Amino acid sequence: MDLGKKFIVEVQGTSLSKTEIKQIKELQPAGFMLRKRNFLAEANYTTWFREYKSLISKLQSLIERPKMVLCIDHEGGQIIRPPEPITRFPYPSSWGNSDSEVIRAIAAELESLGINLNFGP
């Protein structure tokens, strides 16, 4: 059994250090947790998306598996990780009766980024 396949790990930025590359190759985690630091927040969409896709591609190649868990805590209010143009939804407590529409919109945006697990409401 590969113990690493039971873990979700984080990386420190928008690119990988030599140490992170070595650790990911050795551990072979199930996937990765994304944080705000994994996006170029001050860059335009084309730039941050290109750099993000490059990071995800590198992570995918390091674990040498076709599938991985890619997760984020993204729920609205102050908890929004990717930069614009990802929609800035208000706090979940303000969604009211439209909560299922908001949840579907969040899911669609995250899916477009390849994220398959959200720790939001």
PDB file of N, CA and C in Angstrom:
ATOM      1  N   MET A   1       0.852  -1.181   0.000  1.00  0.00           N
ATOM      2  CA  MET A   1       0.000   0.000   0.000  1.00  0.00           C
ATOM      3  C   MET A   1       0.897   1.244   0.000  1.00  0.00           C
ATOM      4  N   ASP A   2       0.526   2.192  -0.810  1.00  0.00           N
ATOM      5  CA  ASP A   2       1.251   3.460  -0.846  1.00  0.00           C
ATOM      6  C   ASP A   2       0.612   4.423   0.148  1.00  0.00           C
ATOM      7  N   LEU A   3       1.292   4.677   1.230  1.00  0.00           N
ATOM      8  CA  LEU A   3       0.759   5.530   2.285  1.00  0.00           C
ATOM      9  C   LEU A   3       0.431   6.933   1.786  1.00  0.00           C
ATOM     10  N   GLY A   4       1.273   7.486   0.917  1.00  0.00           N
ATOM     11  CA  GLY A   4       1.065   8.841   0.416  1.00  0.00           C
ATOM     12  C   GLY A   4      -0.263   9.047  -0.267  1.00  0.00           C
ATOM     13  N   LYS A   5      -0.807   8.003  -0.879  1.00  0.00           N
ATOM     14  CA  LYS A   5      -2.072   8.126  -1.604  1.00  0.00           C
ATOM     15  C   LYS A   5      -3.254   8.383  -0.679  1.00  0.00           C
ATOM     16  N   LYS A   6      -3.007   8.444   0.598  1.00  0.00           N
ATOM     17  CA  LYS A   6      -4.060   8.730   1.574  1.00  0.00           C
ATOM     18  C   LYS A   6      -3.997  10.178   2.070  1.00  0.00           C
ATOM     19  N   PHE A   7      -3.092  10.968   1.513  1.00  0.00           N
ATOM     20  CA  PHE A   7      -2.887  12.328   1.996  1.00  0.00           C
ATOM     21  C   PHE A   7      -3.220  13.381   0.940  1.00  0.00           C
ATOM     22  N   ILE A   8      -3.707  14.506   1.434  1.00  0.00           N
ATOM     23  CA  ILE A   8      -3.861  15.722   0.650  1.00  0.00           C
ATOM     24  C   ILE A   8      -2.802  16.672   1.211  1.00  0.00           C
ATOM     25  N   VAL A   9      -1.984  17.247   0.345  1.00  0.00           N
ATOM     26  CA  VAL A   9      -0.919  18.132   0.812  1.00  0.00           C
ATOM     27  C   VAL A   9      -1.074  19.510   0.185  1.00  0.00           C
ATOM     28  N   GLU A  10      -0.344  20.463   0.727  1.00  0.00           N
ATOM     29  CA  GLU A  10      -0.347  21.830   0.206  1.00  0.00           C
ATOM     30  C   GLU A  10       1.029  22.177  -0.333  1.00  0.00           C
ATOM     31  N   VAL A  11       1.050  23.063  -1.306  1.00  0.00           N
ATOM     32  CA  VAL A  11       2.312  23.629  -1.782  1.00  0.00           C
ATOM     33  C   VAL A  11       2.313  25.102  -1.415  1.00  0.00           C
ATOM     34  N   GLN A  12       3.500  25.680  -1.388  1.00  0.00           N
ATOM     35  CA  GLN A  12       3.655  27.004  -0.800  1.00  0.00           C
ATOM     36  C   GLN A  12       3.394  28.195  -1.715  1.00  0.00           C
ATOM     37  N   GLY A  13       3.276  27.978  -3.002  1.00  0.00           N
ATOM     38  CA  GLY A  13       3.106  29.140  -3.868  1.00  0.00           C
ATOM     39  C   GLY A  13       2.579  28.780  -5.237  1.00  0.00           C
ATOM     40  N   THR A  14       2.916  29.615  -6.212  1.00  0.00           N
ATOM     41  CA  THR A  14       2.444  29.410  -7.587  1.00  0.00           C
ATOM     42  C   THR A  14       3.411  28.573  -8.399  1.00  0.00           C
ATOM     43  N   SER A  15       4.551  28.268  -7.814  1.00  0.00           N
ATOM     44  CA  SER A  15       5.512  27.353  -8.442  1.00  0.00           C
ATOM     45  C   SER A  15       6.083  26.473  -7.338  1.00  0.00           C
ATOM     46  N   LEU A  16       6.773  25.419  -7.738  1.00  0.00           N
ATOM     47  CA  LEU A  16       7.273  24.446  -6.774  1.00  0.00           C
ATOM     48  C   LEU A  16       8.764  24.622  -6.524  1.00  0.00           C
ATOM     49  N   SER A  17       9.141  24.510  -5.275  1.00  0.00           N
ATOM     50  CA  SER A  17      10.564  24.532  -4.937  1.00  0.00           C
ATOM     51  C   SER A  17      11.155  23.144  -5.213  1.00  0.00           C
ATOM     52  N   LYS A  18      12.454  23.052  -5.250  1.00  0.00           N
ATOM     53  CA  LYS A  18      13.119  21.758  -5.446  1.00  0.00           C
ATOM     54  C   LYS A  18      12.753  20.794  -4.322  1.00  0.00           C
ATOM     55  N   THR A  19      12.647  21.316  -3.121  1.00  0.00           N
ATOM     56  CA  THR A  19      12.269  20.479  -1.972  1.00  0.00           C
ATOM     57  C   THR A  19      10.854  19.937  -2.142  1.00  0.00           C
ATOM     58  N   GLU A  20       9.921  20.799  -2.564  1.00  0.00           N
ATOM     59  CA  GLU A  20       8.542  20.344  -2.775  1.00  0.00           C
ATOM     60  C   GLU A  20       8.477  19.289  -3.867  1.00  0.00           C
ATOM     61  N   ILE A  21       9.207  19.487  -4.939  1.00  0.00           N
ATOM     62  CA  ILE A  21       9.223  18.507  -6.028  1.00  0.00           C
ATOM     63  C   ILE A  21       9.691  17.156  -5.505  1.00  0.00           C
ATOM     64  N   LYS A  22      10.758  17.152  -4.759  1.00  0.00           N
ATOM     65  CA  LYS A  22      11.302  15.912  -4.195  1.00  0.00           C
ATOM     66  C   LYS A  22      10.292  15.251  -3.263  1.00  0.00           C
ATOM     67  N   GLN A  23       9.673  16.035  -2.382  1.00  0.00           N
ATOM     68  CA  GLN A  23       8.713  15.495  -1.426  1.00  0.00           C
ATOM     69  C   GLN A  23       7.480  14.920  -2.121  1.00  0.00           C
ATOM     70  N   ILE A  24       6.976  15.622  -3.131  1.00  0.00           N
ATOM     71  CA  ILE A  24       5.792  15.145  -3.858  1.00  0.00           C
ATOM     72  C   ILE A  24       6.114  13.850  -4.598  1.00  0.00           C
ATOM     73  N   LYS A  25       7.270  13.781  -5.232  1.00  0.00           N
ATOM     74  CA  LYS A  25       7.669  12.553  -5.928  1.00  0.00           C
ATOM     75  C   LYS A  25       7.752  11.375  -4.962  1.00  0.00           C
ATOM     76  N   GLU A  26       8.290  11.619  -3.779  1.00  0.00           N
ATOM     77  CA  GLU A  26       8.434  10.550  -2.790  1.00  0.00           C
ATOM     78  C   GLU A  26       7.101  10.157  -2.165  1.00  0.00           C
ATOM     79  N   LEU A  27       6.306  11.134  -1.780  1.00  0.00           N
ATOM     80  CA  LEU A  27       5.050  10.864  -1.078  1.00  0.00           C
ATOM     81  C   LEU A  27       3.956  10.344  -2.003  1.00  0.00           C
ATOM     82  N   GLN A  28       3.886  10.874  -3.217  1.00  0.00           N
ATOM     83  CA  GLN A  28       2.823  10.506  -4.156  1.00  0.00           C
ATOM     84  C   GLN A  28       1.436  10.688  -3.523  1.00  0.00           C
ATOM     85  N   PRO A  29       1.098  11.927  -3.103  1.00  0.00           N
ATOM     86  CA  PRO A  29      -0.171  12.160  -2.413  1.00  0.00           C
ATOM     87  C   PRO A  29      -1.388  11.941  -3.320  1.00  0.00           C
ATOM     88  N   ALA A  30      -2.538  11.794  -2.660  1.00  0.00           N
ATOM     89  CA  ALA A  30      -3.804  11.653  -3.387  1.00  0.00           C
ATOM     90  C   ALA A  30      -4.154  12.941  -4.116  1.00  0.00           C
ATOM     91  N   GLY A  31      -3.720  14.063  -3.544  1.00  0.00           N
ATOM     92  CA  GLY A  31      -4.049  15.331  -4.168  1.00  0.00           C
ATOM     93  C   GLY A  31      -3.497  16.503  -3.405  1.00  0.00           C
ATOM     94  N   PHE A  32      -4.052  17.687  -3.734  1.00  0.00           N
ATOM     95  CA  PHE A  32      -3.493  18.931  -3.249  1.00  0.00           C
ATOM     96  C   PHE A  32      -4.596  19.890  -2.813  1.00  0.00           C
ATOM     97  N   MET A  33      -4.333  20.580  -1.722  1.00  0.00           N
ATOM     98  CA  MET A  33      -5.218  21.624  -1.211  1.00  0.00           C
ATOM     99  C   MET A  33      -4.686  22.955  -1.719  1.00  0.00           C
ATOM    100  N   LEU A  34      -5.539  23.720  -2.352  1.00  0.00           N
ATOM    101  CA  LEU A  34      -5.144  25.027  -2.864  1.00  0.00           C
ATOM    102  C   LEU A  34      -5.531  26.122  -1.880  1.00  0.00           C
ATOM    103  N   ARG A  35      -4.678  27.109  -1.808  1.00  0.00           N
ATOM    104  CA  ARG A  35      -4.908  28.287  -0.976  1.00  0.00           C
ATOM    105  C   ARG A  35      -4.758  29.529  -1.855  1.00  0.00           C
ATOM    106  N   LYS A  36      -5.018  30.664  -1.289  1.00  0.00           N
ATOM    107  CA  LYS A  36      -4.885  31.932  -2.017  1.00  0.00           C
ATOM    108  C   LYS A  36      -3.471  32.100  -2.576  1.00  0.00           C
ATOM    109  N   ARG A  37      -2.481  31.614  -1.838  1.00  0.00           N
ATOM    110  CA  ARG A  37      -1.079  31.750  -2.249  1.00  0.00           C
ATOM    111  C   ARG A  37      -0.734  30.968  -3.527  1.00  0.00           C
ATOM    112  N   ASN A  38      -1.633  30.097  -3.975  1.00  0.00           N
ATOM    113  CA  ASN A  38      -1.386  29.315  -5.187  1.00  0.00           C
ATOM    114  C   ASN A  38      -1.890  30.006  -6.453  1.00  0.00           C
ATOM    115  N   PHE A  39      -2.382  31.232  -6.311  1.00  0.00           N
ATOM    116  CA  PHE A  39      -2.875  32.023  -7.435  1.00  0.00           C
ATOM    117  C   PHE A  39      -2.130  33.358  -7.474  1.00  0.00           C
ATOM    118  N   LEU A  40      -1.822  33.842  -8.647  1.00  0.00           N
ATOM    119  CA  LEU A  40      -1.198  35.157  -8.804  1.00  0.00           C
ATOM    120  C   LEU A  40      -2.290  36.222  -8.728  1.00  0.00           C
ATOM    121  N   ALA A  41      -2.614  36.626  -7.539  1.00  0.00           N
ATOM    122  CA  ALA A  41      -3.760  37.511  -7.313  1.00  0.00           C
ATOM    123  C   ALA A  41      -3.624  38.876  -7.974  1.00  0.00           C
ATOM    124  N   GLU A  42      -2.431  39.377  -8.134  1.00  0.00           N
ATOM    125  CA  GLU A  42      -2.242  40.716  -8.691  1.00  0.00           C
ATOM    126  C   GLU A  42      -2.089  40.711 -10.216  1.00  0.00           C
ATOM    127  N   ALA A  43      -2.134  39.546 -10.814  1.00  0.00           N
ATOM    128  CA  ALA A  43      -1.947  39.436 -12.268  1.00  0.00           C
ATOM    129  C   ALA A  43      -3.289  39.467 -12.990  1.00  0.00           C
ATOM    130  N   ASN A  44      -3.251  39.761 -14.275  1.00  0.00           N
ATOM    131  CA  ASN A  44      -4.491  39.700 -15.059  1.00  0.00           C
ATOM    132  C   ASN A  44      -4.901  38.239 -15.235  1.00  0.00           C
ATOM    133  N   TYR A  45      -6.126  38.041 -15.679  1.00  0.00           N
ATOM    134  CA  TYR A  45      -6.673  36.693 -15.773  1.00  0.00           C
ATOM    135  C   TYR A  45      -5.810  35.765 -16.628  1.00  0.00           C
ATOM    136  N   THR A  46      -5.401  36.215 -17.789  1.00  0.00           N
ATOM    137  CA  THR A  46      -4.613  35.374 -18.682  1.00  0.00           C
ATOM    138  C   THR A  46      -3.341  34.881 -17.994  1.00  0.00           C
ATOM    139  N   THR A  47      -2.678  35.765 -17.285  1.00  0.00           N
ATOM    140  CA  THR A  47      -1.433  35.413 -16.611  1.00  0.00           C
ATOM    141  C   THR A  47      -1.672  34.478 -15.437  1.00  0.00           C
ATOM    142  N   TRP A  48      -2.620  34.824 -14.553  1.00  0.00           N
ATOM    143  CA  TRP A  48      -2.819  33.966 -13.386  1.00  0.00           C
ATOM    144  C   TRP A  48      -3.348  32.610 -13.800  1.00  0.00           C
ATOM    145  N   PHE A  49      -4.211  32.549 -14.818  1.00  0.00           N
ATOM    146  CA  PHE A  49      -4.740  31.263 -15.251  1.00  0.00           C
ATOM    147  C   PHE A  49      -3.639  30.405 -15.880  1.00  0.00           C
ATOM    148  N   ARG A  50      -2.777  31.016 -16.685  1.00  0.00           N
ATOM    149  CA  ARG A  50      -1.659  30.275 -17.297  1.00  0.00           C
ATOM    150  C   ARG A  50      -0.739  29.708 -16.213  1.00  0.00           C
ATOM    151  N   GLU A  51      -0.390  30.532 -15.230  1.00  0.00           N
ATOM    152  CA  GLU A  51       0.491  30.076 -14.149  1.00  0.00           C
ATOM    153  C   GLU A  51      -0.181  29.005 -13.292  1.00  0.00           C
ATOM    154  N   TYR A  52      -1.464  29.161 -13.039  1.00  0.00           N
ATOM    155  CA  TYR A  52      -2.226  28.172 -12.276  1.00  0.00           C
ATOM    156  C   TYR A  52      -2.232  26.835 -13.011  1.00  0.00           C
ATOM    157  N   LYS A  53      -2.560  26.870 -14.308  1.00  0.00           N
ATOM    158  CA  LYS A  53      -2.600  25.628 -15.093  1.00  0.00           C
ATOM    159  C   LYS A  53      -1.221  24.972 -15.147  1.00  0.00           C
ATOM    160  N   SER A  54      -0.174  25.772 -15.196  1.00  0.00           N
ATOM    161  CA  SER A  54       1.183  25.244 -15.191  1.00  0.00           C
ATOM    162  C   SER A  54       1.471  24.524 -13.869  1.00  0.00           C
ATOM    163  N   LEU A  55       1.061  25.115 -12.755  1.00  0.00           N
ATOM    164  CA  LEU A  55       1.243  24.489 -11.450  1.00  0.00           C
ATOM    165  C   LEU A  55       0.490  23.165 -11.378  1.00  0.00           C
ATOM    166  N   ILE A  56      -0.764  23.168 -11.796  1.00  0.00           N
ATOM    167  CA  ILE A  56      -1.576  21.951 -11.738  1.00  0.00           C
ATOM    168  C   ILE A  56      -0.983  20.870 -12.635  1.00  0.00           C
ATOM    169  N   SER A  57      -0.538  21.249 -13.805  1.00  0.00           N
ATOM    170  CA  SER A  57       0.091  20.298 -14.725  1.00  0.00           C
ATOM    171  C   SER A  57       1.348  19.687 -14.107  1.00  0.00           C
ATOM    172  N   LYS A  58       2.146  20.507 -13.458  1.00  0.00           N
ATOM    173  CA  LYS A  58       3.367  20.023 -12.808  1.00  0.00           C
ATOM    174  C   LYS A  58       3.017  19.051 -11.682  1.00  0.00           C
ATOM    175  N   LEU A  59       2.033  19.392 -10.873  1.00  0.00           N
ATOM    176  CA  LEU A  59       1.606  18.501  -9.792  1.00  0.00           C
ATOM    177  C   LEU A  59       1.136  17.162 -10.349  1.00  0.00           C
ATOM    178  N   GLN A  60       0.341  17.234 -11.403  1.00  0.00           N
ATOM    179  CA  GLN A  60      -0.173  16.014 -12.052  1.00  0.00           C
ATOM    180  C   GLN A  60       0.975  15.137 -12.539  1.00  0.00           C
ATOM    181  N   SER A  61       1.969  15.744 -13.158  1.00  0.00           N
ATOM    182  CA  SER A  61       3.089  14.958 -13.688  1.00  0.00           C
ATOM    183  C   SER A  61       3.931  14.354 -12.567  1.00  0.00           C
ATOM    184  N   LEU A  62       4.026  15.020 -11.439  1.00  0.00           N
ATOM    185  CA  LEU A  62       4.837  14.507 -10.336  1.00  0.00           C
ATOM    186  C   LEU A  62       4.219  13.290  -9.661  1.00  0.00           C
ATOM    187  N   ILE A  63       2.895  13.232  -9.605  1.00  0.00           N
ATOM    188  CA  ILE A  63       2.265  12.064  -8.960  1.00  0.00           C
ATOM    189  C   ILE A  63       2.075  10.914  -9.940  1.00  0.00           C
ATOM    190  N   GLU A  64       2.252  11.192 -11.223  1.00  0.00           N
ATOM    191  CA  GLU A  64       2.226  10.162 -12.263  1.00  0.00           C
ATOM    192  C   GLU A  64       0.956   9.317 -12.250  1.00  0.00           C
ATOM    193  N   ARG A  65      -0.169   9.973 -12.020  1.00  0.00           N
ATOM    194  CA  ARG A  65      -1.470   9.298 -12.078  1.00  0.00           C
ATOM    195  C   ARG A  65      -2.425  10.187 -12.858  1.00  0.00           C
ATOM    196  N   PRO A  66      -3.364   9.595 -13.567  1.00  0.00           N
ATOM    197  CA  PRO A  66      -4.282  10.415 -14.367  1.00  0.00           C
ATOM    198  C   PRO A  66      -5.277  11.219 -13.535  1.00  0.00           C
ATOM    199  N   LYS A  67      -5.555  10.769 -12.317  1.00  0.00           N
ATOM    200  CA  LYS A  67      -6.534  11.467 -11.482  1.00  0.00           C
ATOM    201  C   LYS A  67      -5.897  11.882 -10.170  1.00  0.00           C
ATOM    202  N   MET A  68      -6.343  13.034  -9.683  1.00  0.00           N
ATOM    203  CA  MET A  68      -5.916  13.496  -8.367  1.00  0.00           C
ATOM    204  C   MET A  68      -7.035  14.311  -7.750  1.00  0.00           C
ATOM    205  N   VAL A  69      -7.009  14.410  -6.444  1.00  0.00           N
ATOM    206  CA  VAL A  69      -7.945  15.270  -5.734  1.00  0.00           C
ATOM    207  C   VAL A  69      -7.353  16.673  -5.762  1.00  0.00           C
ATOM    208  N   LEU A  70      -8.153  17.609  -6.170  1.00  0.00           N
ATOM    209  CA  LEU A  70      -7.740  19.008  -6.188  1.00  0.00           C
ATOM    210  C   LEU A  70      -8.805  19.760  -5.401  1.00  0.00           C
ATOM    211  N   CYS A  71      -8.457  20.235  -4.213  1.00  0.00           N
ATOM    212  CA  CYS A  71      -9.475  20.817  -3.346  1.00  0.00           C
ATOM    213  C   CYS A  71      -9.125  22.236  -2.914  1.00  0.00           C
ATOM    214  N   ILE A  72     -10.159  22.894  -2.408  1.00  0.00           N
ATOM    215  CA  ILE A  72     -10.045  24.290  -2.010  1.00  0.00           C
ATOM    216  C   ILE A  72     -11.125  24.570  -0.962  1.00  0.00           C
ATOM    217  N   ASP A  73     -10.896  25.569  -0.140  1.00  0.00           N
ATOM    218  CA  ASP A  73     -11.914  26.062   0.786  1.00  0.00           C
ATOM    219  C   ASP A  73     -12.394  27.387   0.202  1.00  0.00           C
ATOM    220  N   HIS A  74     -13.538  27.344  -0.427  1.00  0.00           N
ATOM    221  CA  HIS A  74     -14.035  28.489  -1.200  1.00  0.00           C
ATOM    222  C   HIS A  74     -15.533  28.590  -0.948  1.00  0.00           C
ATOM    223  N   GLU A  75     -15.936  29.538  -0.133  1.00  0.00           N
ATOM    224  CA  GLU A  75     -17.338  29.543   0.265  1.00  0.00           C
ATOM    225  C   GLU A  75     -18.045  30.883   0.192  1.00  0.00           C
ATOM    226  N   GLY A  76     -17.361  31.910  -0.199  1.00  0.00           N
ATOM    227  CA  GLY A  76     -18.003  33.219  -0.252  1.00  0.00           C
ATOM    228  C   GLY A  76     -17.582  34.082   0.924  1.00  0.00           C
ATOM    229  N   GLY A  77     -17.997  35.331   0.897  1.00  0.00           N
ATOM    230  CA  GLY A  77     -17.585  36.259   1.944  1.00  0.00           C
ATOM    231  C   GLY A  77     -16.088  36.507   1.857  1.00  0.00           C
ATOM    232  N   GLN A  78     -15.386  36.330   2.952  1.00  0.00           N
ATOM    233  CA  GLN A  78     -13.935  36.515   2.946  1.00  0.00           C
ATOM    234  C   GLN A  78     -13.193  35.266   2.468  1.00  0.00           C
ATOM    235  N   ILE A  79     -13.888  34.145   2.348  1.00  0.00           N
ATOM    236  CA  ILE A  79     -13.245  32.888   1.985  1.00  0.00           C
ATOM    237  C   ILE A  79     -13.378  32.653   0.478  1.00  0.00           C
ATOM    238  N   ILE A  80     -12.588  33.381  -0.280  1.00  0.00           N
ATOM    239  CA  ILE A  80     -12.548  33.255  -1.738  1.00  0.00           C
ATOM    240  C   ILE A  80     -11.074  33.184  -2.105  1.00  0.00           C
ATOM    241  N   ARG A  81     -10.645  32.060  -2.635  1.00  0.00           N
ATOM    242  CA  ARG A  81      -9.221  31.849  -2.897  1.00  0.00           C
ATOM    243  C   ARG A  81      -8.758  32.368  -4.265  1.00  0.00           C
ATOM    244  N   PRO A  82      -9.391  31.958  -5.360  1.00  0.00           N
ATOM    245  CA  PRO A  82      -8.896  32.421  -6.672  1.00  0.00           C
ATOM    246  C   PRO A  82      -9.217  33.893  -6.905  1.00  0.00           C
ATOM    247  N   PRO A  83      -8.368  34.590  -7.635  1.00  0.00           N
ATOM    248  CA  PRO A  83      -8.621  36.000  -7.932  1.00  0.00           C
ATOM    249  C   PRO A  83      -9.712  36.166  -8.993  1.00  0.00           C
ATOM    250  N   GLU A  84     -10.106  37.402  -9.215  1.00  0.00           N
ATOM    251  CA  GLU A  84     -11.075  37.703 -10.280  1.00  0.00           C
ATOM    252  C   GLU A  84     -10.506  37.236 -11.612  1.00  0.00           C
ATOM    253  N   PRO A  85     -11.342  36.775 -12.499  1.00  0.00           N
ATOM    254  CA  PRO A  85     -12.772  36.999 -12.588  1.00  0.00           C
ATOM    255  C   PRO A  85     -13.636  35.962 -11.872  1.00  0.00           C
ATOM    256  N   ILE A  86     -13.057  35.115 -11.006  1.00  0.00           N
ATOM    257  CA  ILE A  86     -13.895  34.207 -10.225  1.00  0.00           C
ATOM    258  C   ILE A  86     -14.850  35.069  -9.396  1.00  0.00           C
ATOM    259  N   THR A  87     -16.111  34.698  -9.411  1.00  0.00           N
ATOM    260  CA  THR A  87     -17.162  35.500  -8.800  1.00  0.00           C
ATOM    261  C   THR A  87     -16.965  35.656  -7.300  1.00  0.00           C
ATOM    262  N   ARG A  88     -17.178  36.874  -6.829  1.00  0.00           N
ATOM    263  CA  ARG A  88     -17.098  37.206  -5.403  1.00  0.00           C
ATOM    264  C   ARG A  88     -18.488  37.081  -4.796  1.00  0.00           C
ATOM    265  N   PHE A  89     -18.854  35.888  -4.358  1.00  0.00           N
ATOM    266  CA  PHE A  89     -20.158  35.706  -3.726  1.00  0.00           C
ATOM    267  C   PHE A  89     -20.112  36.215  -2.291  1.00  0.00           C
ATOM    268  N   PRO A  90     -21.250  36.728  -1.806  1.00  0.00           N
ATOM    269  CA  PRO A  90     -21.297  37.197  -0.420  1.00  0.00           C
ATOM    270  C   PRO A  90     -21.267  36.005   0.550  1.00  0.00           C
ATOM    271  N   TYR A  91     -21.261  36.308   1.842  1.00  0.00           N
ATOM    272  CA  TYR A  91     -21.300  35.264   2.858  1.00  0.00           C
ATOM    273  C   TYR A  91     -22.493  34.343   2.635  1.00  0.00           C
ATOM    274  N   PRO A  92     -22.330  33.044   2.890  1.00  0.00           N
ATOM    275  CA  PRO A  92     -23.446  32.112   2.699  1.00  0.00           C
ATOM    276  C   PRO A  92     -24.700  32.482   3.475  1.00  0.00           C
ATOM    277  N   SER A  93     -24.562  33.109   4.615  1.00  0.00           N
ATOM    278  CA  SER A  93     -25.742  33.490   5.402  1.00  0.00           C
ATOM    279  C   SER A  93     -26.632  34.488   4.672  1.00  0.00           C
ATOM    280  N   SER A  94     -26.105  35.155   3.641  1.00  0.00           N
ATOM    281  CA  SER A  94     -26.901  36.132   2.902  1.00  0.00           C
ATOM    282  C   SER A  94     -27.511  35.565   1.618  1.00  0.00           C
ATOM    283  N   TRP A  95     -27.267  34.287   1.327  1.00  0.00           N
ATOM    284  CA  TRP A  95     -27.771  33.706   0.080  1.00  0.00           C
ATOM    285  C   TRP A  95     -29.283  33.563   0.056  1.00  0.00           C
ATOM    286  N   GLY A  96     -29.896  33.347   1.190  1.00  0.00           N
ATOM    287  CA  GLY A  96     -31.344  33.219   1.249  1.00  0.00           C
ATOM    288  C   GLY A  96     -31.844  32.038   0.451  1.00  0.00           C
ATOM    289  N   ASN A  97     -32.942  32.252  -0.279  1.00  0.00           N
ATOM    290  CA  ASN A  97     -33.564  31.169  -1.039  1.00  0.00           C
ATOM    291  C   ASN A  97     -32.818  30.802  -2.305  1.00  0.00           C
ATOM    292  N   SER A  98     -31.827  31.580  -2.666  1.00  0.00           N
ATOM    293  CA  SER A  98     -31.096  31.306  -3.903  1.00  0.00           C
ATOM    294  C   SER A  98     -29.848  30.456  -3.652  1.00  0.00           C
ATOM    295  N   ASP A  99     -29.760  29.817  -2.482  1.00  0.00           N
ATOM    296  CA  ASP A  99     -28.536  29.098  -2.144  1.00  0.00           C
ATOM    297  C   ASP A  99     -28.174  28.020  -3.155  1.00  0.00           C
ATOM    298  N   SER A 100     -29.145  27.293  -3.696  1.00  0.00           N
ATOM    299  CA  SER A 100     -28.806  26.234  -4.648  1.00  0.00           C
ATOM    300  C   SER A 100     -28.252  26.817  -5.945  1.00  0.00           C
ATOM    301  N   GLU A 101     -28.736  27.990  -6.349  1.00  0.00           N
ATOM    302  CA  GLU A 101     -28.195  28.644  -7.546  1.00  0.00           C
ATOM    303  C   GLU A 101     -26.763  29.101  -7.313  1.00  0.00           C
ATOM    304  N   VAL A 102     -26.494  29.648  -6.147  1.00  0.00           N
ATOM    305  CA  VAL A 102     -25.145  30.096  -5.810  1.00  0.00           C
ATOM    306  C   VAL A 102     -24.202  28.893  -5.749  1.00  0.00           C
ATOM    307  N   ILE A 103     -24.638  27.836  -5.109  1.00  0.00           N
ATOM    308  CA  ILE A 103     -23.811  26.635  -5.001  1.00  0.00           C
ATOM    309  C   ILE A 103     -23.493  26.079  -6.383  1.00  0.00           C
ATOM    310  N   ARG A 104     -24.469  26.050  -7.272  1.00  0.00           N
ATOM    311  CA  ARG A 104     -24.219  25.568  -8.644  1.00  0.00           C
ATOM    312  C   ARG A 104     -23.230  26.476  -9.376  1.00  0.00           C
ATOM    313  N   ALA A 105     -23.351  27.768  -9.175  1.00  0.00           N
ATOM    314  CA  ALA A 105     -22.424  28.708  -9.827  1.00  0.00           C
ATOM    315  C   ALA A 105     -21.001  28.532  -9.299  1.00  0.00           C
ATOM    316  N   ILE A 106     -20.865  28.391  -7.982  1.00  0.00           N
ATOM    317  CA  ILE A 106     -19.544  28.155  -7.393  1.00  0.00           C
ATOM    318  C   ILE A 106     -18.968  26.856  -7.940  1.00  0.00           C
ATOM    319  N   ALA A 107     -19.783  25.815  -7.972  1.00  0.00           N
ATOM    320  CA  ALA A 107     -19.321  24.513  -8.468  1.00  0.00           C
ATOM    321  C   ALA A 107     -18.856  24.600  -9.919  1.00  0.00           C
ATOM    322  N   ALA A 108     -19.600  25.319 -10.747  1.00  0.00           N
ATOM    323  CA  ALA A 108     -19.226  25.452 -12.163  1.00  0.00           C
ATOM    324  C   ALA A 108     -17.889  26.178 -12.315  1.00  0.00           C
ATOM    325  N   GLU A 109     -17.701  27.240 -11.546  1.00  0.00           N
ATOM    326  CA  GLU A 109     -16.433  27.972 -11.633  1.00  0.00           C
ATOM    327  C   GLU A 109     -15.265  27.115 -11.148  1.00  0.00           C
ATOM    328  N   LEU A 110     -15.453  26.423 -10.034  1.00  0.00           N
ATOM    329  CA  LEU A 110     -14.369  25.589  -9.516  1.00  0.00           C
ATOM    330  C   LEU A 110     -14.074  24.420 -10.461  1.00  0.00           C
ATOM    331  N   GLU A 111     -15.115  23.854 -11.024  1.00  0.00           N
ATOM    332  CA  GLU A 111     -14.908  22.767 -11.991  1.00  0.00           C
ATOM    333  C   GLU A 111     -14.099  23.255 -13.196  1.00  0.00           C
ATOM    334  N   SER A 112     -14.328  24.478 -13.620  1.00  0.00           N
ATOM    335  CA  SER A 112     -13.578  25.024 -14.759  1.00  0.00           C
ATOM    336  C   SER A 112     -12.093  25.154 -14.437  1.00  0.00           C
ATOM    337  N   LEU A 113     -11.755  25.154 -13.143  1.00  0.00           N
ATOM    338  CA  LEU A 113     -10.359  25.210 -12.716  1.00  0.00           C
ATOM    339  C   LEU A 113      -9.813  23.807 -12.405  1.00  0.00           C
ATOM    340  N   GLY A 114     -10.631  22.783 -12.622  1.00  0.00           N
ATOM    341  CA  GLY A 114     -10.200  21.421 -12.351  1.00  0.00           C
ATOM    342  C   GLY A 114     -10.325  21.017 -10.888  1.00  0.00           C
ATOM    343  N   ILE A 115     -10.953  21.866 -10.093  1.00  0.00           N
ATOM    344  CA  ILE A 115     -11.111  21.577  -8.662  1.00  0.00           C
ATOM    345  C   ILE A 115     -12.305  20.647  -8.491  1.00  0.00           C
ATOM    346  N   ASN A 116     -12.069  19.528  -7.794  1.00  0.00           N
ATOM    347  CA  ASN A 116     -13.125  18.519  -7.659  1.00  0.00           C
ATOM    348  C   ASN A 116     -13.588  18.284  -6.222  1.00  0.00           C
ATOM    349  N   LEU A 117     -13.112  19.114  -5.282  1.00  0.00           N
ATOM    350  CA  LEU A 117     -13.571  19.036  -3.906  1.00  0.00           C
ATOM    351  C   LEU A 117     -13.504  20.423  -3.286  1.00  0.00           C
ATOM    352  N   ASN A 118     -14.649  20.888  -2.771  1.00  0.00           N
ATOM    353  CA  ASN A 118     -14.714  22.207  -2.139  1.00  0.00           C
ATOM    354  C   ASN A 118     -15.127  22.037  -0.687  1.00  0.00           C
ATOM    355  N   PHE A 119     -14.375  22.644   0.222  1.00  0.00           N
ATOM    356  CA  PHE A 119     -14.708  22.597   1.630  1.00  0.00           C
ATOM    357  C   PHE A 119     -15.569  23.794   2.011  1.00  0.00           C
ATOM    358  N   GLY A 120     -16.495  24.164   1.151  1.00  0.00           N
ATOM    359  CA  GLY A 120     -17.418  25.257   1.414  1.00  0.00           C
ATOM    360  C   GLY A 120     -18.742  24.704   1.906  1.00  0.00           C
ATOM    361  N   PRO A 121     -19.701  25.587   2.132  1.00  0.00           N
ATOM    362  CA  PRO A 121     -21.013  25.125   2.631  1.00  0.00           C
ATOM    363  C   PRO A 121     -21.779  24.359   1.570  1.00  0.00           C
TER     364      PRO A 121
END
